Amino acid sequence: KACIRDTGRLITVEDHNILNGLGSAVADVVAESGKGVLRRVGVQDQF
């Protein structure tokens, strides 16, 4: 929430599928806050 408030722009980075990992956990917070934009960097849902 502090990142949303202070920057409004977030990027998550993880060595994990972009689905259901860190990116999704942060996306939940961003969506519920109704503010900020998010981009997810991670494994692109592929083996």
All heavy atoms as atom14 arrays in JSON, in Angstrom:
{
  "sequence": "KACIRDTGRLITVEDHNILNGLGSAVADVVAESGKGVLRRVGVQDQF",
  "atom14_mask": [
    [1, 1, 1, 1, 1, 1, 1, 1, 1, 0, 0, 0, 0, 0],
    [1, 1, 1, 1, 1, 0, 0, 0, 0, 0, 0, 0, 0, 0],
    [1, 1, 1, 1, 1, 1, 0, 0, 0, 0, 0, 0, 0, 0],
    [1, 1, 1, 1, 1, 1, 1, 1, 0, 0, 0, 0, 0, 0],
    [1, 1, 1, 1, 1, 1, 1, 1, 1, 1, 1, 0, 0, 0],
    [1, 1, 1, 1, 1, 1, 1, 1, 0, 0, 0, 0, 0, 0],
    [1, 1, 1, 1, 1, 1, 1, 0, 0, 0, 0, 0, 0, 0],
    [1, 1, 1, 1, 0, 0, 0, 0, 0, 0, 0, 0, 0, 0],
    [1, 1, 1, 1, 1, 1, 1, 1, 1, 1, 1, 0, 0, 0],
    [1, 1, 1, 1, 1, 1, 1, 1, 0, 0, 0, 0, 0, 0],
    [1, 1, 1, 1, 1, 1, 1, 1, 0, 0, 0, 0, 0, 0],
    [1, 1, 1, 1, 1, 1, 1, 0, 0, 0, 0, 0, 0, 0],
    [1, 1, 1, 1, 1, 1, 1, 0, 0, 0, 0, 0, 0, 0],
    [1, 1, 1, 1, 1, 1, 1, 1, 1, 0, 0, 0, 0, 0],
    [1, 1, 1, 1, 1, 1, 1, 1, 0, 0, 0, 0, 0, 0],
    [1, 1, 1, 1, 1, 1, 1, 1, 1, 1, 0, 0, 0, 0],
    [1, 1, 1, 1, 1, 1, 1, 1, 0, 0, 0, 0, 0, 0],
    [1, 1, 1, 1, 1, 1, 1, 1, 0, 0, 0, 0, 0, 0],
    [1, 1, 1, 1, 1, 1, 1, 1, 0, 0, 0, 0, 0, 0],
    [1, 1, 1, 1, 1, 1, 1, 1, 0, 0, 0, 0, 0, 0],
    [1, 1, 1, 1, 0, 0, 0, 0, 0, 0, 0, 0, 0, 0],
    [1, 1, 1, 1, 1, 1, 1, 1, 0, 0, 0, 0, 0, 0],
    [1, 1, 1, 1, 0, 0, 0, 0, 0, 0, 0, 0, 0, 0],
    [1, 1, 1, 1, 1, 1, 0, 0, 0, 0, 0, 0, 0, 0],
    [1, 1, 1, 1, 1, 0, 0, 0, 0, 0, 0, 0, 0, 0],
    [1, 1, 1, 1, 1, 1, 1, 0, 0, 0, 0, 0, 0, 0],
    [1, 1, 1, 1, 1, 0, 0, 0, 0, 0, 0, 0, 0, 0],
    [1, 1, 1, 1, 1, 1, 1, 1, 0, 0, 0, 0, 0, 0],
    [1, 1, 1, 1, 1, 1, 1, 0, 0, 0, 0, 0, 0, 0],
    [1, 1, 1, 1, 1, 1, 1, 0, 0, 0, 0, 0, 0, 0],
    [1, 1, 1, 1, 1, 0, 0, 0, 0, 0, 0, 0, 0, 0],
    [1, 1, 1, 1, 1, 1, 1, 1, 1, 0, 0, 0, 0, 0],
    [1, 1, 1, 1, 1, 1, 0, 0, 0, 0, 0, 0, 0, 0],
    [1, 1, 1, 1, 0, 0, 0, 0, 0, 0, 0, 0, 0, 0],
    [1, 1, 1, 1, 1, 1, 1, 1, 1, 0, 0, 0, 0, 0],
    [1, 1, 1, 1, 0, 0, 0, 0, 0, 0, 0, 0, 0, 0],
    [1, 1, 1, 1, 1, 1, 1, 0, 0, 0, 0, 0, 0, 0],
    [1, 1, 1, 1, 1, 1, 1, 1, 0, 0, 0, 0, 0, 0],
    [1, 1, 1, 1, 1, 1, 1, 1, 1, 1, 1, 0, 0, 0],
    [1, 1, 1, 1, 1, 1, 1, 1, 1, 1, 1, 0, 0, 0],
    [1, 1, 1, 1, 1, 1, 1, 0, 0, 0, 0, 0, 0, 0],
    [1, 1, 1, 1, 0, 0, 0, 0, 0, 0, 0, 0, 0, 0],
    [1, 1, 1, 1, 1, 1, 1, 0, 0, 0, 0, 0, 0, 0],
    [1, 1, 1, 1, 1, 1, 1, 1, 1, 0, 0, 0, 0, 0],
    [1, 1, 1, 1, 1, 1, 1, 1, 0, 0, 0, 0, 0, 0],
    [1, 1, 1, 1, 1, 1, 1, 1, 1, 0, 0, 0, 0, 0],
    [1, 1, 1, 1, 1, 1, 1, 1, 1, 1, 1, 0, 0, 0]
  ],
  "atom14_positions": [
    [[0.82, -1.21, 0.0], [0.0, 0.0, 0.0], [0.86, 1.27, 0.0], [0.5, 2.27, -0.63], [-0.93, -0.01, 1.21], [-2.07, -1.01, 1.09], [-2.99, -0.94, 2.3], [-4.19, -1.86, 2.13], [-5.08, -1.84, 3.33], [0.0, 0.0, 0.0], [0.0, 0.0, 0.0], [0.0, 0.0, 0.0], [0.0, 0.0, 0.0], [0.0, 0.0, 0.0]],
    [[2.0, 1.21, 0.69], [2.91, 2.36, 0.69], [3.48, 2.6, -0.71], [3.63, 3.76, -1.14], [4.04, 2.13, 1.68], [0.0, 0.0, 0.0], [0.0, 0.0, 0.0], [0.0, 0.0, 0.0], [0.0, 0.0, 0.0], [0.0, 0.0, 0.0], [0.0, 0.0, 0.0], [0.0, 0.0, 0.0], [0.0, 0.0, 0.0], [0.0, 0.0, 0.0]],
    [[3.77, 1.51, -1.43], [4.25, 1.65, -2.81], [3.18, 2.26, -3.7], [3.47, 3.11, -4.55], [4.67, 0.29, -3.36], [6.14, -0.42, -2.59], [0.0, 0.0, 0.0], [0.0, 0.0, 0.0], [0.0, 0.0, 0.0], [0.0, 0.0, 0.0], [0.0, 0.0, 0.0], [0.0, 0.0, 0.0], [0.0, 0.0, 0.0], [0.0, 0.0, 0.0]],
    [[1.93, 1.83, -3.51], [0.82, 2.38, -4.3], [0.67, 3.87, -4.0], [0.53, 4.7, -4.91], [-0.48, 1.64, -3.98], [-0.38, 0.16, -4.38], [-1.66, 2.3, -4.69], [-1.51, -0.69, -3.85], [0.0, 0.0, 0.0], [0.0, 0.0, 0.0], [0.0, 0.0, 0.0], [0.0, 0.0, 0.0], [0.0, 0.0, 0.0], [0.0, 0.0, 0.0]],
    [[0.73, 4.21, -2.72], [0.54, 5.61, -2.3], [1.68, 6.5, -2.79], [1.46, 7.61, -3.29], [0.46, 5.67, -0.78], [0.25, 7.08, -0.22], [0.36, 7.09, 1.28], [1.72, 6.79, 1.73], [2.04, 5.74, 2.49], [1.12, 4.88, 2.87], [3.29, 5.55, 2.86], [0.0, 0.0, 0.0], [0.0, 0.0, 0.0], [0.0, 0.0, 0.0]],
    [[2.91, 6.02, -2.67], [4.07, 6.87, -2.93], [4.49, 6.91, -4.4], [5.05, 7.91, -4.85], [5.26, 6.38, -2.1], [5.01, 6.48, -0.6], [4.11, 7.24, -0.2], [5.71, 5.78, 0.16], [0.0, 0.0, 0.0], [0.0, 0.0, 0.0], [0.0, 0.0, 0.0], [0.0, 0.0, 0.0], [0.0, 0.0, 0.0], [0.0, 0.0, 0.0]],
    [[4.26, 5.82, -5.14], [4.72, 5.77, -6.53], [3.58, 5.59, -7.54], [3.66, 6.1, -8.65], [5.73, 4.63, -6.75], [5.04, 3.37, -6.78], [6.79, 4.6, -5.65], [0.0, 0.0, 0.0], [0.0, 0.0, 0.0], [0.0, 0.0, 0.0], [0.0, 0.0, 0.0], [0.0, 0.0, 0.0], [0.0, 0.0, 0.0], [0.0, 0.0, 0.0]],
    [[2.56, 4.84, -7.16], [1.45, 4.58, -8.07], [1.79, 3.61, -9.19], [0.92, 3.23, -9.98], [0.0, 0.0, 0.0], [0.0, 0.0, 0.0], [0.0, 0.0, 0.0], [0.0, 0.0, 0.0], [0.0, 0.0, 0.0], [0.0, 0.0, 0.0], [0.0, 0.0, 0.0], [0.0, 0.0, 0.0], [0.0, 0.0, 0.0], [0.0, 0.0, 0.0]],
    [[3.04, 3.19, -9.28], [3.5, 2.3, -10.34], [4.29, 1.15, -9.72], [5.31, 1.39, -9.07], [4.37, 3.05, -11.34], [3.75, 4.32, -11.9], [4.77, 5.1, -12.73], [4.25, 6.41, -13.15], [4.36, 7.52, -12.44], [4.99, 7.5, -11.27], [3.87, 8.66, -12.9], [0.0, 0.0, 0.0], [0.0, 0.0, 0.0], [0.0, 0.0, 0.0]],
    [[3.84, -0.07, -9.93], [4.47, -1.24, -9.3], [4.84, -2.28, -10.35], [4.08, -2.51, -11.31], [3.54, -1.87, -8.27], [3.28, -1.14, -6.95], [2.36, 0.06, -7.16], [2.68, -2.07, -5.92], [0.0, 0.0, 0.0], [0.0, 0.0, 0.0], [0.0, 0.0, 0.0], [0.0, 0.0, 0.0], [0.0, 0.0, 0.0], [0.0, 0.0, 0.0]],
    [[5.97, -2.93, -10.13], [6.39, -4.06, -10.96], [6.77, -5.19, -10.01], [7.58, -4.99, -9.09], [7.59, -3.71, -11.85], [7.24, -2.56, -12.81], [8.06, -4.93, -12.64], [8.44, -2.04, -13.58], [0.0, 0.0, 0.0], [0.0, 0.0, 0.0], [0.0, 0.0, 0.0], [0.0, 0.0, 0.0], [0.0, 0.0, 0.0], [0.0, 0.0, 0.0]],
    [[6.18, -6.36, -10.19], [6.58, -7.52, -9.41], [7.5, -8.39, -10.25], [7.35, -8.49, -11.47], [5.37, -8.35, -8.95], [4.61, -8.77, -10.09], [4.49, -7.55, -8.01], [0.0, 0.0, 0.0], [0.0, 0.0, 0.0], [0.0, 0.0, 0.0], [0.0, 0.0, 0.0], [0.0, 0.0, 0.0], [0.0, 0.0, 0.0], [0.0, 0.0, 0.0]],
    [[8.47, -9.03, -9.57], [9.45, -9.88, -10.26], [9.6, -11.16, -9.46], [9.85, -11.12, -8.25], [10.81, -9.17, -10.38], [11.72, -9.94, -11.33], [10.66, -7.73, -10.84], [0.0, 0.0, 0.0], [0.0, 0.0, 0.0], [0.0, 0.0, 0.0], [0.0, 0.0, 0.0], [0.0, 0.0, 0.0], [0.0, 0.0, 0.0], [0.0, 0.0, 0.0]],
    [[9.45, -12.3, -10.14], [9.54, -13.57, -9.45], [9.97, -14.69, -10.39], [9.68, -14.66, -11.59], [8.18, -13.93, -8.84], [7.06, -14.04, -9.88], [5.68, -14.12, -9.25], [5.52, -14.86, -8.27], [4.77, -13.43, -9.75], [0.0, 0.0, 0.0], [0.0, 0.0, 0.0], [0.0, 0.0, 0.0], [0.0, 0.0, 0.0], [0.0, 0.0, 0.0]],
    [[10.65, -15.67, -9.83], [11.02, -16.88, -10.56], [9.92, -17.92, -10.27], [10.12, -18.9, -9.56], [12.39, -17.37, -10.08], [12.89, -18.58, -10.85], [12.17, -19.06, -11.74], [13.99, -19.06, -10.53], [0.0, 0.0, 0.0], [0.0, 0.0, 0.0], [0.0, 0.0, 0.0], [0.0, 0.0, 0.0], [0.0, 0.0, 0.0], [0.0, 0.0, 0.0]],
    [[8.76, -17.65, -10.82], [7.55, -18.43, -10.55], [6.55, -18.04, -11.62], [6.65, -16.96, -12.22], [7.0, -18.06, -9.15], [5.83, -18.87, -8.69], [4.53, -18.57, -9.07], [5.74, -19.94, -7.87], [3.7, -19.43, -8.48], [4.41, -20.28, -7.76], [0.0, 0.0, 0.0], [0.0, 0.0, 0.0], [0.0, 0.0, 0.0], [0.0, 0.0, 0.0]],
    [[5.6, -18.89, -11.87], [4.52, -18.54, -12.8], [3.91, -17.2, -12.38], [3.69, -16.96, -11.18], [3.45, -19.63, -12.76], [2.49, -19.55, -13.95], [2.27, -18.5, -14.53], [1.91, -20.69, -14.28], [0.0, 0.0, 0.0], [0.0, 0.0, 0.0], [0.0, 0.0, 0.0], [0.0, 0.0, 0.0], [0.0, 0.0, 0.0], [0.0, 0.0, 0.0]],
    [[3.64, -16.33, -13.36], [3.02, -15.04, -13.02], [1.61, -15.23, -12.45], [1.04, -14.31, -11.88], [2.97, -14.08, -14.22], [2.23, -14.71, -15.41], [4.38, -13.64, -14.62], [1.92, -13.73, -16.51], [0.0, 0.0, 0.0], [0.0, 0.0, 0.0], [0.0, 0.0, 0.0], [0.0, 0.0, 0.0], [0.0, 0.0, 0.0], [0.0, 0.0, 0.0]],
    [[1.05, -16.44, -12.6], [-0.25, -16.74, -12.03], [-0.08, -17.28, -10.6], [0.68, -18.21, -10.37], [-0.99, -17.79, -12.88], [-1.21, -17.45, -14.35], [-1.92, -18.59, -15.06], [-2.0, -16.15, -14.49], [0.0, 0.0, 0.0], [0.0, 0.0, 0.0], [0.0, 0.0, 0.0], [0.0, 0.0, 0.0], [0.0, 0.0, 0.0], [0.0, 0.0, 0.0]],
    [[-0.76, -16.66, -9.67], [-0.92, -17.15, -8.29], [0.28, -16.97, -7.37], [0.21, -17.34, -6.2], [-1.32, -18.63, -8.28], [-2.63, -18.86, -9.0], [-3.52, -18.02, -8.97], [-2.75, -20.0, -9.65], [0.0, 0.0, 0.0], [0.0, 0.0, 0.0], [0.0, 0.0, 0.0], [0.0, 0.0, 0.0], [0.0, 0.0, 0.0], [0.0, 0.0, 0.0]],
    [[1.36, -16.42, -7.85], [2.52, -16.2, -6.99], [2.56, -14.79, -6.42], [1.53, -14.21, -6.07], [0.0, 0.0, 0.0], [0.0, 0.0, 0.0], [0.0, 0.0, 0.0], [0.0, 0.0, 0.0], [0.0, 0.0, 0.0], [0.0, 0.0, 0.0], [0.0, 0.0, 0.0], [0.0, 0.0, 0.0], [0.0, 0.0, 0.0], [0.0, 0.0, 0.0]],
    [[3.77, -14.22, -6.34], [3.93, -12.88, -5.78], [3.14, -11.85, -6.57], [2.47, -10.99, -5.99], [5.42, -12.51, -5.76], [5.74, -11.07, -5.32], [5.33, -10.84, -3.87], [7.23, -10.78, -5.52], [0.0, 0.0, 0.0], [0.0, 0.0, 0.0], [0.0, 0.0, 0.0], [0.0, 0.0, 0.0], [0.0, 0.0, 0.0], [0.0, 0.0, 0.0]],
    [[3.21, -11.93, -7.91], [2.5, -10.95, -8.73], [1.01, -10.95, -8.47], [0.38, -9.88, -8.36], [0.0, 0.0, 0.0], [0.0, 0.0, 0.0], [0.0, 0.0, 0.0], [0.0, 0.0, 0.0], [0.0, 0.0, 0.0], [0.0, 0.0, 0.0], [0.0, 0.0, 0.0], [0.0, 0.0, 0.0], [0.0, 0.0, 0.0], [0.0, 0.0, 0.0]],
    [[0.43, -12.13, -8.35], [-1.0, -12.21, -8.09], [-1.34, -11.71, -6.69], [-2.37, -11.05, -6.48], [-1.48, -13.66, -8.26], [-1.44, -14.04, -9.62], [0.0, 0.0, 0.0], [0.0, 0.0, 0.0], [0.0, 0.0, 0.0], [0.0, 0.0, 0.0], [0.0, 0.0, 0.0], [0.0, 0.0, 0.0], [0.0, 0.0, 0.0], [0.0, 0.0, 0.0]],
    [[-0.48, -12.01, -5.71], [-0.72, -11.54, -4.34], [-0.71, -10.02, -4.28], [-1.56, -9.4, -3.63], [0.34, -12.13, -3.4], [0.0, 0.0, 0.0], [0.0, 0.0, 0.0], [0.0, 0.0, 0.0], [0.0, 0.0, 0.0], [0.0, 0.0, 0.0], [0.0, 0.0, 0.0], [0.0, 0.0, 0.0], [0.0, 0.0, 0.0], [0.0, 0.0, 0.0]],
    [[0.25, -9.4, -4.97], [0.32, -7.94, -5.0], [-0.86, -7.37, -5.8], [-1.44, -6.34, -5.43], [1.66, -7.48, -5.59], [1.68, -5.96, -5.83], [2.81, -7.87, -4.66], [0.0, 0.0, 0.0], [0.0, 0.0, 0.0], [0.0, 0.0, 0.0], [0.0, 0.0, 0.0], [0.0, 0.0, 0.0], [0.0, 0.0, 0.0], [0.0, 0.0, 0.0]],
    [[-1.23, -8.06, -6.89], [-2.36, -7.6, -7.7], [-3.65, -7.54, -6.89], [-4.48, -6.65, -7.1], [-2.54, -8.52, -8.91], [0.0, 0.0, 0.0], [0.0, 0.0, 0.0], [0.0, 0.0, 0.0], [0.0, 0.0, 0.0], [0.0, 0.0, 0.0], [0.0, 0.0, 0.0], [0.0, 0.0, 0.0], [0.0, 0.0, 0.0], [0.0, 0.0, 0.0]],
    [[-3.82, -8.47, -5.96], [-5.0, -8.45, -5.1], [-5.07, -7.14, -4.32], [-6.15, -6.53, -4.2], [-4.96, -9.62, -4.11], [-5.16, -10.97, -4.76], [-5.63, -11.02, -5.9], [-4.82, -11.99, -4.11], [0.0, 0.0, 0.0], [0.0, 0.0, 0.0], [0.0, 0.0, 0.0], [0.0, 0.0, 0.0], [0.0, 0.0, 0.0], [0.0, 0.0, 0.0]],
    [[-3.92, -6.71, -3.79], [-3.89, -5.48, -2.99], [-4.14, -4.27, -3.87], [-4.89, -3.36, -3.5], [-2.54, -5.36, -2.26], [-2.5, -4.09, -1.41], [-2.27, -6.58, -1.4], [0.0, 0.0, 0.0], [0.0, 0.0, 0.0], [0.0, 0.0, 0.0], [0.0, 0.0, 0.0], [0.0, 0.0, 0.0], [0.0, 0.0, 0.0], [0.0, 0.0, 0.0]],
    [[-3.52, -4.26, -5.05], [-3.7, -3.13, -5.98], [-5.17, -3.02, -6.4], [-5.76, -1.94, -6.39], [-2.79, -3.29, -7.21], [-3.09, -2.21, -8.25], [-1.32, -3.24, -6.81], [0.0, 0.0, 0.0], [0.0, 0.0, 0.0], [0.0, 0.0, 0.0], [0.0, 0.0, 0.0], [0.0, 0.0, 0.0], [0.0, 0.0, 0.0], [0.0, 0.0, 0.0]],
    [[-5.77, -4.16, -6.74], [-7.17, -4.15, -7.18], [-8.1, -3.67, -6.08], [-9.01, -2.86, -6.32], [-7.58, -5.55, -7.64], [0.0, 0.0, 0.0], [0.0, 0.0, 0.0], [0.0, 0.0, 0.0], [0.0, 0.0, 0.0], [0.0, 0.0, 0.0], [0.0, 0.0, 0.0], [0.0, 0.0, 0.0], [0.0, 0.0, 0.0], [0.0, 0.0, 0.0]],
    [[-7.87, -4.13, -4.86], [-8.75, -3.76, -3.75], [-8.56, -2.29, -3.34], [-9.48, -1.67, -2.8], [-8.51, -4.69, -2.57], [-9.03, -6.11, -2.81], [-8.72, -7.07, -1.68], [-8.08, -6.64, -0.69], [-9.11, -8.24, -1.78], [0.0, 0.0, 0.0], [0.0, 0.0, 0.0], [0.0, 0.0, 0.0], [0.0, 0.0, 0.0], [0.0, 0.0, 0.0]],
    [[-7.38, -1.75, -3.6], [-7.14, -0.35, -3.26], [-7.78, 0.59, -4.27], [-8.07, 1.75, -3.96], [-5.64, -0.07, -3.19], [-5.07, -0.05, -4.48], [0.0, 0.0, 0.0], [0.0, 0.0, 0.0], [0.0, 0.0, 0.0], [0.0, 0.0, 0.0], [0.0, 0.0, 0.0], [0.0, 0.0, 0.0], [0.0, 0.0, 0.0], [0.0, 0.0, 0.0]],
    [[-7.99, 0.08, -5.5], [-8.58, 0.92, -6.53], [-7.65, 1.97, -7.07], [-8.06, 2.91, -7.75], [0.0, 0.0, 0.0], [0.0, 0.0, 0.0], [0.0, 0.0, 0.0], [0.0, 0.0, 0.0], [0.0, 0.0, 0.0], [0.0, 0.0, 0.0], [0.0, 0.0, 0.0], [0.0, 0.0, 0.0], [0.0, 0.0, 0.0], [0.0, 0.0, 0.0]],
    [[-6.36, 1.82, -6.79], [-5.37, 2.81, -7.23], [-4.13, 2.09, -7.74], [-3.87, 0.95, -7.41], [-4.96, 3.72, -6.07], [-6.11, 4.51, -5.45], [-5.59, 5.3, -4.26], [-6.72, 6.05, -3.57], [-6.25, 6.77, -2.37], [0.0, 0.0, 0.0], [0.0, 0.0, 0.0], [0.0, 0.0, 0.0], [0.0, 0.0, 0.0], [0.0, 0.0, 0.0]],
    [[-3.34, 2.8, -8.53], [-2.07, 2.27, -8.97], [-2.17, 1.38, -10.19], [-3.25, 0.9, -10.55], [0.0, 0.0, 0.0], [0.0, 0.0, 0.0], [0.0, 0.0, 0.0], [0.0, 0.0, 0.0], [0.0, 0.0, 0.0], [0.0, 0.0, 0.0], [0.0, 0.0, 0.0], [0.0, 0.0, 0.0], [0.0, 0.0, 0.0], [0.0, 0.0, 0.0]],
    [[-1.01, 1.18, -10.85], [-0.92, 0.26, -11.98], [0.17, -0.75, -11.69], [1.15, -0.44, -10.99], [-0.64, 1.0, -13.3], [-1.82, 1.84, -13.71], [0.62, 1.85, -13.19], [0.0, 0.0, 0.0], [0.0, 0.0, 0.0], [0.0, 0.0, 0.0], [0.0, 0.0, 0.0], [0.0, 0.0, 0.0], [0.0, 0.0, 0.0], [0.0, 0.0, 0.0]],
    [[0.0, -1.95, -12.22], [0.92, -3.05, -11.91], [1.32, -3.79, -13.17], [0.47, -4.05, -14.03], [0.25, -4.02, -10.93], [0.97, -5.36, -10.66], [2.26, -5.12, -9.88], [0.06, -6.31, -9.9], [0.0, 0.0, 0.0], [0.0, 0.0, 0.0], [0.0, 0.0, 0.0], [0.0, 0.0, 0.0], [0.0, 0.0, 0.0], [0.0, 0.0, 0.0]],
    [[2.6, -4.16, -13.26], [3.08, -5.05, -14.29], [3.77, -6.24, -13.6], [4.48, -6.04, -12.61], [4.07, -4.35, -15.22], [3.47, -3.19, -16.0], [2.48, -3.66, -17.04], [1.94, -2.54, -17.82], [0.85, -1.87, -17.51], [0.16, -2.19, -16.41], [0.43, -0.88, -18.27], [0.0, 0.0, 0.0], [0.0, 0.0, 0.0], [0.0, 0.0, 0.0]],
    [[3.54, -7.44, -14.12], [4.09, -8.65, -13.51], [5.17, -9.26, -14.4], [4.92, -9.57, -15.56], [2.98, -9.68, -13.27], [1.95, -9.26, -12.23], [0.82, -10.27, -12.13], [0.08, -10.35, -13.39], [-0.74, -11.35, -13.7], [-0.9, -12.37, -12.88], [-1.38, -11.35, -14.85], [0.0, 0.0, 0.0], [0.0, 0.0, 0.0], [0.0, 0.0, 0.0]],
    [[6.34, -9.44, -13.83], [7.45, -10.1, -14.5], [7.65, -11.46, -13.83], [7.74, -11.54, -12.61], [8.75, -9.27, -14.41], [9.93, -10.04, -14.98], [8.57, -7.94, -15.13], [0.0, 0.0, 0.0], [0.0, 0.0, 0.0], [0.0, 0.0, 0.0], [0.0, 0.0, 0.0], [0.0, 0.0, 0.0], [0.0, 0.0, 0.0], [0.0, 0.0, 0.0]],
    [[7.69, -12.51, -14.62], [7.87, -13.85, -14.08], [7.76, -14.87, -15.18], [7.76, -14.53, -16.38], [0.0, 0.0, 0.0], [0.0, 0.0, 0.0], [0.0, 0.0, 0.0], [0.0, 0.0, 0.0], [0.0, 0.0, 0.0], [0.0, 0.0, 0.0], [0.0, 0.0, 0.0], [0.0, 0.0, 0.0], [0.0, 0.0, 0.0], [0.0, 0.0, 0.0]],
    [[7.67, -16.13, -14.81], [7.53, -17.2, -15.8], [6.17, -17.03, -16.49], [5.14, -16.93, -15.83], [7.65, -18.58, -15.14], [7.44, -19.69, -16.17], [9.03, -18.72, -14.47], [0.0, 0.0, 0.0], [0.0, 0.0, 0.0], [0.0, 0.0, 0.0], [0.0, 0.0, 0.0], [0.0, 0.0, 0.0], [0.0, 0.0, 0.0], [0.0, 0.0, 0.0]],
    [[6.18, -17.01, -17.8], [5.01, -16.64, -18.59], [4.04, -17.8, -18.81], [3.7, -18.14, -19.94], [5.45, -16.04, -19.92], [6.27, -14.76, -19.78], [5.49, -13.64, -19.1], [4.45, -13.22, -19.59], [5.99, -13.16, -17.98], [0.0, 0.0, 0.0], [0.0, 0.0, 0.0], [0.0, 0.0, 0.0], [0.0, 0.0, 0.0], [0.0, 0.0, 0.0]],
    [[3.62, -18.41, -17.7], [2.65, -19.5, -17.75], [3.04, -20.55, -18.79], [2.21, -21.0, -19.6], [1.24, -18.96, -18.04], [0.14, -19.99, -17.75], [0.39, -20.87, -16.91], [-0.94, -19.91, -18.36], [0.0, 0.0, 0.0], [0.0, 0.0, 0.0], [0.0, 0.0, 0.0], [0.0, 0.0, 0.0], [0.0, 0.0, 0.0], [0.0, 0.0, 0.0]],
    [[4.32, -20.93, -18.74], [4.82, -21.95, -19.66], [5.81, -22.84, -18.94], [6.46, -22.41, -17.98], [5.48, -21.3, -20.88], [6.69, -20.44, -20.53], [7.28, -19.73, -21.73], [6.95, -20.04, -22.87], [8.15, -18.76, -21.49], [0.0, 0.0, 0.0], [0.0, 0.0, 0.0], [0.0, 0.0, 0.0], [0.0, 0.0, 0.0], [0.0, 0.0, 0.0]],
    [[5.91, -24.09, -19.38], [6.89, -24.99, -18.81], [8.28, -24.6, -19.29], [8.45, -24.03, -20.37], [6.59, -26.44, -19.18], [5.39, -27.01, -18.48], [4.21, -27.24, -19.16], [5.44, -27.3, -17.12], [3.09, -27.76, -18.51], [4.33, -27.82, -16.46], [3.16, -28.05, -17.15], [0.0, 0.0, 0.0], [0.0, 0.0, 0.0], [0.0, 0.0, 0.0]]
  ]
}
